[in-house]
C-alpha atoms as a PDB file:
ATOM      1  CA  MET A   1     126.070  78.160-105.601  1.00  0.00           C
ATOM      2  CA  ASN A   2     126.317  75.180-107.928  1.00  0.00           C
ATOM      3  CA  ILE A   3     126.561  75.857-111.670  1.00  0.00           C
ATOM      4  CA  THR A   4     123.692  74.121-113.480  1.00  0.00           C
ATOM      5  CA  PRO A   5     122.299  74.308-117.024  1.00  0.00           C
ATOM      6  CA  SER A   6     119.267  76.327-115.888  1.00  0.00           C
ATOM      7  CA  LYS A   7     121.449  78.810-113.986  1.00  0.00           C
ATOM      8  CA  LEU A   8     123.711  79.174-117.026  1.00  0.00           C
ATOM      9  CA  ASN A   9     120.702  79.864-119.242  1.00  0.00           C
ATOM     10  CA  LYS A  10     119.509  82.582-116.833  1.00  0.00           C
ATOM     11  CA  PHE A  11     123.043  83.984-116.822  1.00  0.00           C
ATOM     12  CA  LEU A  12     122.875  84.184-120.628  1.00  0.00           C
ATOM     13  CA  MET A  13     119.631  86.133-120.500  1.00  0.00           C
ATOM     14  CA  PHE A  14     121.116  88.842-118.265  1.00  0.00           C
ATOM     15  CA  LYS A  15     124.841  88.870-119.108  1.00  0.00           C
ATOM     16  CA  LEU A  16     125.023  87.565-122.703  1.00  0.00           C
ATOM     17  CA  PRO A  17     121.718  88.563-124.301  1.00  0.00           C
ATOM     18  CA  ALA A  18     122.979  88.032-127.873  1.00  0.00           C
ATOM     19  CA  ALA A  19     123.515  84.344-127.106  1.00  0.00           C
ATOM     20  CA  PHE A  20     120.166  84.083-125.325  1.00  0.00           C
ATOM     21  CA  PHE A  21     118.123  85.764-128.077  1.00  0.00           C
ATOM     22  CA  THR A  22     119.752  83.684-130.818  1.00  0.00           C
ATOM     23  CA  GLY A  23     118.639  80.506-129.007  1.00  0.00           C
ATOM     24  CA  VAL A  24     121.855  79.228-127.406  1.00  0.00           C
ATOM     25  CA  ARG A  25     120.901  76.936-124.489  1.00  0.00           C
ATOM     26  CA  THR A  26     122.885  74.731-122.120  1.00  0.00           C
ATOM     27  CA  LYS A  27     121.450  71.203-122.021  1.00  0.00           C
ATOM     28  CA  GLU A  28     123.927  69.242-119.869  1.00  0.00           C
ATOM     29  CA  LEU A  29     126.865  70.034-117.615  1.00  0.00           C
ATOM     30  CA  ASN A  30     128.942  67.695-115.493  1.00  0.00           C
ATOM     31  CA  GLU A  31     132.566  67.430-114.350  1.00  0.00           C
ATOM     32  CA  ASN A  32     133.949  66.441-117.747  1.00  0.00           C
ATOM     33  CA  SER A  33     131.500  67.568-120.406  1.00  0.00           C
ATOM     34  CA  CYS A  34     129.079  70.271-121.440  1.00  0.00           C
ATOM     35  CA  VAL A  35     126.391  70.138-124.122  1.00  0.00           C
ATOM     36  CA  VAL A  36     124.896  73.277-125.665  1.00  0.00           C
ATOM     37  CA  SER A  37     122.230  73.374-128.360  1.00  0.00           C
ATOM     38  CA  VAL A  38     121.013  76.020-130.791  1.00  0.00           C
ATOM     39  CA  LYS A  39     118.392  75.778-133.530  1.00  0.00           C
ATOM     40  CA  HIS A  40     118.740  77.469-136.909  1.00  0.00           C
ATOM     41  CA  ARG A  41     116.104  80.205-137.063  1.00  0.00           C
ATOM     42  CA  TRP A  42     115.540  83.465-138.884  1.00  0.00           C
ATOM     43  CA  VAL A  43     117.170  85.489-136.082  1.00  0.00           C
ATOM     44  CA  ASN A  44     120.480  83.574-136.274  1.00  0.00           C
ATOM     45  CA  GLN A  45     120.820  82.881-139.991  1.00  0.00           C
ATOM     46  CA  ASN A  46     123.280  84.227-142.535  1.00  0.00           C
ATOM     47  CA  PRO A  47     122.458  85.277-146.134  1.00  0.00           C
ATOM     48  CA  PHE A  48     123.060  81.669-147.265  1.00  0.00           C
ATOM     49  CA  ASN A  49     120.158  80.282-145.211  1.00  0.00           C
ATOM     50  CA  SER A  50     122.302  78.542-142.632  1.00  0.00           C
ATOM     51  CA  MET A  51     123.354  79.409-139.098  1.00  0.00           C
ATOM     52  CA  PHE A  52     125.696  82.400-138.791  1.00  0.00           C
ATOM     53  CA  TRP A  53     129.202  81.322-137.796  1.00  0.00           C
ATOM     54  CA  ALA A  54     129.241  83.649-134.772  1.00  0.00           C
ATOM     55  CA  VAL A  55     126.164  81.969-133.293  1.00  0.00           C
ATOM     56  CA  GLN A  56     127.909  78.630-133.644  1.00  0.00           C
ATOM     57  CA  GLY A  57     130.944  80.209-131.981  1.00  0.00           C
ATOM     58  CA  MET A  58     128.890  81.450-129.023  1.00  0.00           C
ATOM     59  CA  ALA A  59     127.454  77.980-128.467  1.00  0.00           C
ATOM     60  CA  ALA A  60     130.844  76.308-128.835  1.00  0.00           C
ATOM     61  CA  GLU A  61     132.566  78.789-126.512  1.00  0.00           C
ATOM     62  CA  LEU A  62     129.860  78.252-123.895  1.00  0.00           C
ATOM     63  CA  THR A  63     130.580  74.501-123.802  1.00  0.00           C
ATOM     64  CA  THR A  64     134.219  75.178-122.936  1.00  0.00           C
ATOM     65  CA  GLY A  65     133.642  78.247-120.775  1.00  0.00           C
ATOM     66  CA  ALA A  66     130.983  76.573-118.640  1.00  0.00           C
ATOM     67  CA  LEU A  67     133.397  73.747-117.880  1.00  0.00           C
ATOM     68  CA  VAL A  68     136.117  76.233-116.922  1.00  0.00           C
ATOM     69  CA  MET A  69     133.687  78.152-114.689  1.00  0.00           C
ATOM     70  CA  LYS A  70     132.525  74.932-113.000  1.00  0.00           C
ATOM     71  CA  LYS A  71     136.101  73.801-112.347  1.00  0.00           C
ATOM     72  CA  ILE A  72     137.128  77.210-110.988  1.00  0.00           C
ATOM     73  CA  LYS A  73     134.100  77.216-108.681  1.00  0.00           C
ATOM     74  CA  GLY A  74     135.041  73.727-107.484  1.00  0.00           C
ATOM     75  CA  SER A  75     138.617  74.789-106.721  1.00  0.00           C
ATOM     76  CA  GLY A  76     137.471  77.315-104.140  1.00  0.00           C
ATOM     77  CA  LYS A  77     140.069  79.816-105.407  1.00  0.00           C
ATOM     78  CA  LYS A  78     139.655  83.129-107.199  1.00  0.00           C
ATOM     79  CA  ILE A  79     140.957  82.428-110.691  1.00  0.00           C
ATOM     80  CA  SER A  80     140.626  84.654-113.731  1.00  0.00           C
ATOM     81  CA  MET A  81     139.727  83.141-117.094  1.00  0.00           C
ATOM     82  CA  LEU A  82     140.052  84.567-120.581  1.00  0.00           C
ATOM     83  CA  VAL A  83     140.025  83.278-124.148  1.00  0.00           C
ATOM     84  CA  ALA A  84     143.449  84.087-125.603  1.00  0.00           C
ATOM     85  CA  SER A  85     142.991  82.483-129.007  1.00  0.00           C
ATOM     86  CA  ASN A  86     140.566  80.409-131.016  1.00  0.00           C
ATOM     87  CA  ASN A  87     140.132  78.775-134.396  1.00  0.00           C
ATOM     88  CA  ALA A  88     137.337  76.986-136.186  1.00  0.00           C
ATOM     89  CA  SER A  89     136.559  74.850-139.197  1.00  0.00           C
ATOM     90  CA  PHE A  90     133.218  74.507-140.936  1.00  0.00           C
ATOM     91  CA  THR A  91     132.485  71.298-142.817  1.00  0.00           C
ATOM     92  CA  LYS A  92     128.763  71.352-143.570  1.00  0.00           C
ATOM     93  CA  LYS A  93     125.910  73.855-143.794  1.00  0.00           C
ATOM     94  CA  ALA A  94     124.469  74.381-140.290  1.00  0.00           C
ATOM     95  CA  THR A  95     120.693  73.974-140.469  1.00  0.00           C
ATOM     96  CA  GLY A  96     118.207  72.495-138.017  1.00  0.00           C
ATOM     97  CA  ARG A  97     119.314  71.897-134.418  1.00  0.00           C
ATOM     98  CA  ILE A  98     123.062  71.982-133.872  1.00  0.00           C
ATOM     99  CA  THR A  99     124.467  70.449-130.698  1.00  0.00           C
ATOM    100  CA  PHE A 100     127.916  71.406-129.442  1.00  0.00           C
ATOM    101  CA  THR A 101     129.808  69.177-127.042  1.00  0.00           C
ATOM    102  CA  CYS A 102     133.059  69.584-125.150  1.00  0.00           C
ATOM    103  CA  ASN A 103     134.295  66.458-123.341  1.00  0.00           C
ATOM    104  CA  GLU A 104     137.629  67.819-122.106  1.00  0.00           C
ATOM    105  CA  GLY A 105     136.967  68.855-118.512  1.00  0.00           C
ATOM    106  CA  HIS A 106     139.875  66.715-117.353  1.00  0.00           C
ATOM    107  CA  LYS A 107     142.327  69.061-119.120  1.00  0.00           C
ATOM    108  CA  ILE A 108     141.161  71.993-117.002  1.00  0.00           C
ATOM    109  CA  ASP A 109     142.040  70.248-113.719  1.00  0.00           C
ATOM    110  CA  ASP A 110     145.753  70.201-114.581  1.00  0.00           C
ATOM    111  CA  ALA A 111     145.824  73.875-115.561  1.00  0.00           C
ATOM    112  CA  ILE A 112     143.989  74.947-112.398  1.00  0.00           C
ATOM    113  CA  ASN A 113     146.265  72.862-110.163  1.00  0.00           C
ATOM    114  CA  LYS A 114     149.384  74.309-111.825  1.00  0.00           C
ATOM    115  CA  THR A 115     148.234  77.920-111.530  1.00  0.00           C
ATOM    116  CA  ILE A 116     147.357  77.396-107.849  1.00  0.00           C
ATOM    117  CA  GLU A 117     150.739  75.742-107.142  1.00  0.00           C
ATOM    118  CA  THR A 118     152.919  78.185-109.084  1.00  0.00           C
ATOM    119  CA  GLY A 119     150.883  81.393-109.135  1.00  0.00           C
ATOM    120  CA  GLU A 120     151.718  81.649-112.826  1.00  0.00           C
ATOM    121  CA  GLY A 121     149.208  81.817-115.634  1.00  0.00           C
ATOM    122  CA  GLN A 122     148.380  78.598-117.438  1.00  0.00           C
ATOM    123  CA  THR A 123     146.763  77.874-120.779  1.00  0.00           C
ATOM    124  CA  VAL A 124     144.556  75.025-121.875  1.00  0.00           C
ATOM    125  CA  TRP A 125     143.139  74.268-125.336  1.00  0.00           C
ATOM    126  CA  LEU A 126     139.576  72.928-125.345  1.00  0.00           C
ATOM    127  CA  LYS A 127     137.684  71.589-128.372  1.00  0.00           C
ATOM    128  CA  SER A 128     133.953  71.746-129.062  1.00  0.00           C
ATOM    129  CA  ASN A 129     132.315  69.898-131.948  1.00  0.00           C
ATOM    130  CA  GLY A 130     128.969  70.866-133.431  1.00  0.00           C
ATOM    131  CA  VAL A 131     126.806  68.175-135.010  1.00  0.00           C
ATOM    132  CA  ASN A 132     123.412  68.326-136.697  1.00  0.00           C
ATOM    133  CA  ALA A 133     120.385  66.128-135.908  1.00  0.00           C
ATOM    134  CA  ASP A 134     121.812  63.374-138.140  1.00  0.00           C
ATOM    135  CA  GLY A 135     125.034  63.304-136.096  1.00  0.00           C
ATOM    136  CA  VAL A 136     127.066  64.867-138.926  1.00  0.00           C
ATOM    137  CA  GLU A 137     129.733  67.344-137.814  1.00  0.00           C
ATOM    138  CA  VAL A 138     129.045  70.852-139.138  1.00  0.00           C
ATOM    139  CA  SER A 139     131.776  72.751-137.295  1.00  0.00           C
ATOM    140  CA  SER A 140     134.627  72.350-134.862  1.00  0.00           C
ATOM    141  CA  PHE A 141     135.993  75.064-132.573  1.00  0.00           C
ATOM    142  CA  ASN A 142     139.150  75.237-130.470  1.00  0.00           C
ATOM    143  CA  PHE A 143     139.548  77.759-127.646  1.00  0.00           C
ATOM    144  CA  GLU A 144     142.749  78.576-125.774  1.00  0.00           C
ATOM    145  CA  TRP A 145     141.763  79.540-122.239  1.00  0.00           C
ATOM    146  CA  THR A 146     144.211  81.325-119.927  1.00  0.00           C
ATOM    147  CA  LEU A 147     143.847  80.777-116.198  1.00  0.00           C
ATOM    148  CA  LYS A 148     145.584  82.640-113.386  1.00  0.00           C
ATOM    149  CA  VAL A 149     145.082  82.884-109.648  1.00  0.00           C
ATOM    150  CA  LYS A 150     143.972  86.405-108.728  1.00  0.00           C
ATOM    151  CA  SER A 151     146.228  88.185-106.282  1.00  0.00           C
END
């Protein structure tokens, strides 16, 4: 089964309902990038009338995680994936539609190849930037993914 934006959105509805109900949606997914969008609404706002940081984090993590899932699927191997660490910075109030993009799919290829060759766990840092409708960055997230071939 090929991983597509519509299949990821259905996956959210059943496996990650918090992301689904707050409006997180995958818009694009290819070999090197993933785009996820979420609109500021009452259900995902904080007391300061902007988008709650955790909603931004869910959208940002999905951009990186979807790429990892797609690459693992393409490898044909059973590989476990887990976020080991993350950090974020917030530079502007998140209102309106926020679009998160990760363009670092190429980094995942190396980690998958190394874990298949060595059998040892590998880590890869992936970055996702969130911008508003004006193209102004509102937040930036970094996720450290660990990958290991299942035995």
